[in-house]
Amino acid sequence: MPSESAVVAVWGISLVVGVVVIIVVGVLLALIVRTARQIDAAAAVVWAVGQRIANATIHIPLLATTNRIAGQIVARAGGIDAAAAAIESHAGGCPSCPACAHGGAR
């Protein structure tokens, strides 16, 4: 049977080792919590930036419709320009204008 002093020494060493282990585990857990908070903060920043990018780019698909409609406007404007040129040409050579435009003689 071990002596009483040996038992006390083993208990003392066990307690010191236990305290050291508890301190190391506490420090590691504190580091994990700090790292988790840093990750959470970074994720919040990424989320906010992602939302701003989404808000800034949400209308980009509508540009195809805008381009199509702008092309139609340009085509119609060309027709209006041609009609105005025809009117100008007619008015330049017609002695009855503008009376002929209202159904009068040509």
C-alpha atoms as a PDB file:
ATOM      1  CA  MET A   1       0.000   0.000   0.000  1.00  0.00           C
ATOM      2  CA  PRO A   2       1.360   3.429  -0.919  1.00  0.00           C
ATOM      3  CA  SER A   3       2.282   5.814   1.803  1.00  0.00           C
ATOM      4  CA  GLU A   4       0.045   8.687   2.757  1.00  0.00           C
ATOM      5  CA  SER A   5       2.548  11.232   1.455  1.00  0.00           C
ATOM      6  CA  ALA A   6       2.625   9.476  -1.935  1.00  0.00           C
ATOM      7  CA  VAL A   7      -1.171   9.587  -2.131  1.00  0.00           C
ATOM      8  CA  VAL A   8      -1.169  13.298  -1.230  1.00  0.00           C
ATOM      9  CA  ALA A   9       1.546  13.950  -3.840  1.00  0.00           C
ATOM     10  CA  VAL A  10      -0.447  12.117  -6.539  1.00  0.00           C
ATOM     11  CA  TRP A  11      -3.593  14.051  -5.585  1.00  0.00           C
ATOM     12  CA  GLY A  12      -1.667  17.322  -5.630  1.00  0.00           C
ATOM     13  CA  ILE A  13      -0.143  16.593  -9.042  1.00  0.00           C
ATOM     14  CA  SER A  14      -3.555  15.480 -10.343  1.00  0.00           C
ATOM     15  CA  LEU A  15      -5.151  18.701  -9.122  1.00  0.00           C
ATOM     16  CA  VAL A  16      -2.423  20.847 -10.699  1.00  0.00           C
ATOM     17  CA  VAL A  17      -2.689  18.959 -13.987  1.00  0.00           C
ATOM     18  CA  GLY A  18      -6.493  19.298 -13.825  1.00  0.00           C
ATOM     19  CA  VAL A  19      -6.278  23.042 -13.213  1.00  0.00           C
ATOM     20  CA  VAL A  20      -3.782  23.452 -16.069  1.00  0.00           C
ATOM     21  CA  VAL A  21      -6.047  21.455 -18.393  1.00  0.00           C
ATOM     22  CA  ILE A  22      -9.079  23.520 -17.346  1.00  0.00           C
ATOM     23  CA  ILE A  23      -7.150  26.759 -17.958  1.00  0.00           C
ATOM     24  CA  VAL A  24      -5.969  25.569 -21.392  1.00  0.00           C
ATOM     25  CA  VAL A  25      -9.493  24.455 -22.327  1.00  0.00           C
ATOM     26  CA  GLY A  26     -10.863  27.821 -21.130  1.00  0.00           C
ATOM     27  CA  VAL A  27      -8.322  29.736 -23.223  1.00  0.00           C
ATOM     28  CA  LEU A  28      -9.073  27.589 -26.280  1.00  0.00           C
ATOM     29  CA  LEU A  29     -12.820  28.081 -25.835  1.00  0.00           C
ATOM     30  CA  ALA A  30     -12.301  31.842 -25.498  1.00  0.00           C
ATOM     31  CA  LEU A  31     -10.296  31.803 -28.740  1.00  0.00           C
ATOM     32  CA  ILE A  32     -13.055  29.822 -30.463  1.00  0.00           C
ATOM     33  CA  VAL A  33     -15.702  32.305 -29.279  1.00  0.00           C
ATOM     34  CA  ARG A  34     -13.593  35.262 -30.428  1.00  0.00           C
ATOM     35  CA  THR A  35     -13.009  33.660 -33.829  1.00  0.00           C
ATOM     36  CA  ALA A  36     -16.715  32.857 -34.171  1.00  0.00           C
ATOM     37  CA  ARG A  37     -17.572  36.497 -33.449  1.00  0.00           C
ATOM     38  CA  GLN A  38     -15.051  37.663 -36.050  1.00  0.00           C
ATOM     39  CA  ILE A  39     -16.537  35.259 -38.604  1.00  0.00           C
ATOM     40  CA  ASP A  40     -20.042  36.481 -37.746  1.00  0.00           C
ATOM     41  CA  ALA A  41     -18.983  40.117 -38.173  1.00  0.00           C
ATOM     42  CA  ALA A  42     -17.303  39.353 -41.515  1.00  0.00           C
ATOM     43  CA  ALA A  43     -20.364  37.429 -42.684  1.00  0.00           C
ATOM     44  CA  ALA A  44     -22.561  40.411 -41.768  1.00  0.00           C
ATOM     45  CA  VAL A  45     -20.350  42.689 -43.868  1.00  0.00           C
ATOM     46  CA  VAL A  46     -20.460  40.251 -46.797  1.00  0.00           C
ATOM     47  CA  TRP A  47     -24.250  40.036 -46.469  1.00  0.00           C
ATOM     48  CA  ALA A  48     -24.637  43.833 -46.448  1.00  0.00           C
ATOM     49  CA  VAL A  49     -22.356  44.277 -49.463  1.00  0.00           C
ATOM     50  CA  GLY A  50     -24.165  41.471 -51.287  1.00  0.00           C
ATOM     51  CA  GLN A  51     -27.494  43.176 -50.692  1.00  0.00           C
ATOM     52  CA  ARG A  52     -26.148  46.493 -52.008  1.00  0.00           C
ATOM     53  CA  ILE A  53     -24.801  44.743 -55.115  1.00  0.00           C
ATOM     54  CA  ALA A  54     -28.128  42.992 -55.638  1.00  0.00           C
ATOM     55  CA  ASN A  55     -30.008  46.286 -55.277  1.00  0.00           C
ATOM     56  CA  ALA A  56     -27.654  47.985 -57.717  1.00  0.00           C
ATOM     57  CA  THR A  57     -27.890  45.266 -60.343  1.00  0.00           C
ATOM     58  CA  ILE A  58     -31.511  44.117 -60.048  1.00  0.00           C
ATOM     59  CA  HIS A  59     -32.588  46.244 -63.028  1.00  0.00           C
ATOM     60  CA  ILE A  60     -29.911  45.029 -65.443  1.00  0.00           C
ATOM     61  CA  PRO A  61     -32.206  42.411 -67.054  1.00  0.00           C
ATOM     62  CA  LEU A  62     -34.634  45.227 -67.867  1.00  0.00           C
ATOM     63  CA  LEU A  63     -31.989  46.802 -70.105  1.00  0.00           C
ATOM     64  CA  ALA A  64     -32.836  44.260 -72.818  1.00  0.00           C
ATOM     65  CA  THR A  65     -36.399  45.581 -72.866  1.00  0.00           C
ATOM     66  CA  THR A  66     -35.120  49.155 -72.780  1.00  0.00           C
ATOM     67  CA  ASN A  67     -32.817  48.477 -75.733  1.00  0.00           C
ATOM     68  CA  ARG A  68     -35.634  46.856 -77.717  1.00  0.00           C
ATOM     69  CA  ILE A  69     -37.993  49.761 -77.072  1.00  0.00           C
ATOM     70  CA  ALA A  70     -35.251  52.302 -77.844  1.00  0.00           C
ATOM     71  CA  GLY A  71     -34.704  50.554 -81.185  1.00  0.00           C
ATOM     72  CA  GLN A  72     -38.420  50.836 -81.930  1.00  0.00           C
ATOM     73  CA  ILE A  73     -38.350  54.526 -81.003  1.00  0.00           C
ATOM     74  CA  VAL A  74     -35.381  55.122 -83.324  1.00  0.00           C
ATOM     75  CA  ALA A  75     -37.179  53.304 -86.161  1.00  0.00           C
ATOM     76  CA  ARG A  76     -40.337  55.368 -85.675  1.00  0.00           C
ATOM     77  CA  ALA A  77     -38.319  58.561 -85.355  1.00  0.00           C
ATOM     78  CA  GLY A  78     -36.750  57.742 -88.732  1.00  0.00           C
ATOM     79  CA  GLY A  79     -40.254  57.391 -90.188  1.00  0.00           C
ATOM     80  CA  ILE A  80     -41.296  60.708 -88.680  1.00  0.00           C
ATOM     81  CA  ASP A  81     -38.152  62.339 -90.058  1.00  0.00           C
ATOM     82  CA  ALA A  82     -38.873  60.929 -93.522  1.00  0.00           C
ATOM     83  CA  ALA A  83     -42.491  62.164 -93.366  1.00  0.00           C
ATOM     84  CA  ALA A  84     -41.332  65.612 -92.240  1.00  0.00           C
ATOM     85  CA  ALA A  85     -38.824  65.713 -95.090  1.00  0.00           C
ATOM     86  CA  ALA A  86     -41.591  64.787 -97.546  1.00  0.00           C
ATOM     87  CA  ILE A  87     -43.815  67.536 -96.170  1.00  0.00           C
ATOM     88  CA  GLU A  88     -40.969  70.020 -96.378  1.00  0.00           C
ATOM     89  CA  SER A  89     -40.230  68.967 -99.941  1.00  0.00           C
ATOM     90  CA  HIS A  90     -43.899  69.264-100.924  1.00  0.00           C
ATOM     91  CA  ALA A  91     -44.290  72.618 -99.204  1.00  0.00           C
ATOM     92  CA  GLY A  92     -41.231  73.946-101.004  1.00  0.00           C
ATOM     93  CA  GLY A  93     -42.699  73.200-104.435  1.00  0.00           C
ATOM     94  CA  CYS A  94     -46.435  73.711-103.818  1.00  0.00           C
ATOM     95  CA  PRO A  95     -47.771  77.240-104.354  1.00  0.00           C
ATOM     96  CA  SER A  96     -51.005  76.405-102.477  1.00  0.00           C
ATOM     97  CA  CYS A  97     -49.392  75.250 -99.215  1.00  0.00           C
ATOM     98  CA  PRO A  98     -50.445  75.260 -96.454  1.00  0.00           C
ATOM     99  CA  ALA A  99     -54.016  75.472 -97.840  1.00  0.00           C
ATOM    100  CA  CYS A 100     -53.573  72.134 -99.695  1.00  0.00           C
ATOM    101  CA  ALA A 101     -52.785  70.407 -96.412  1.00  0.00           C
ATOM    102  CA  HIS A 102     -56.278  71.304 -95.167  1.00  0.00           C
ATOM    103  CA  GLY A 103     -58.002  69.790 -98.197  1.00  0.00           C
ATOM    104  CA  GLY A 104     -57.657  72.797-100.494  1.00  0.00           C
ATOM    105  CA  ALA A 105     -56.233  72.912-104.042  1.00  0.00           C
ATOM    106  CA  ARG A 106     -52.874  71.384-104.883  1.00  0.00           C
END
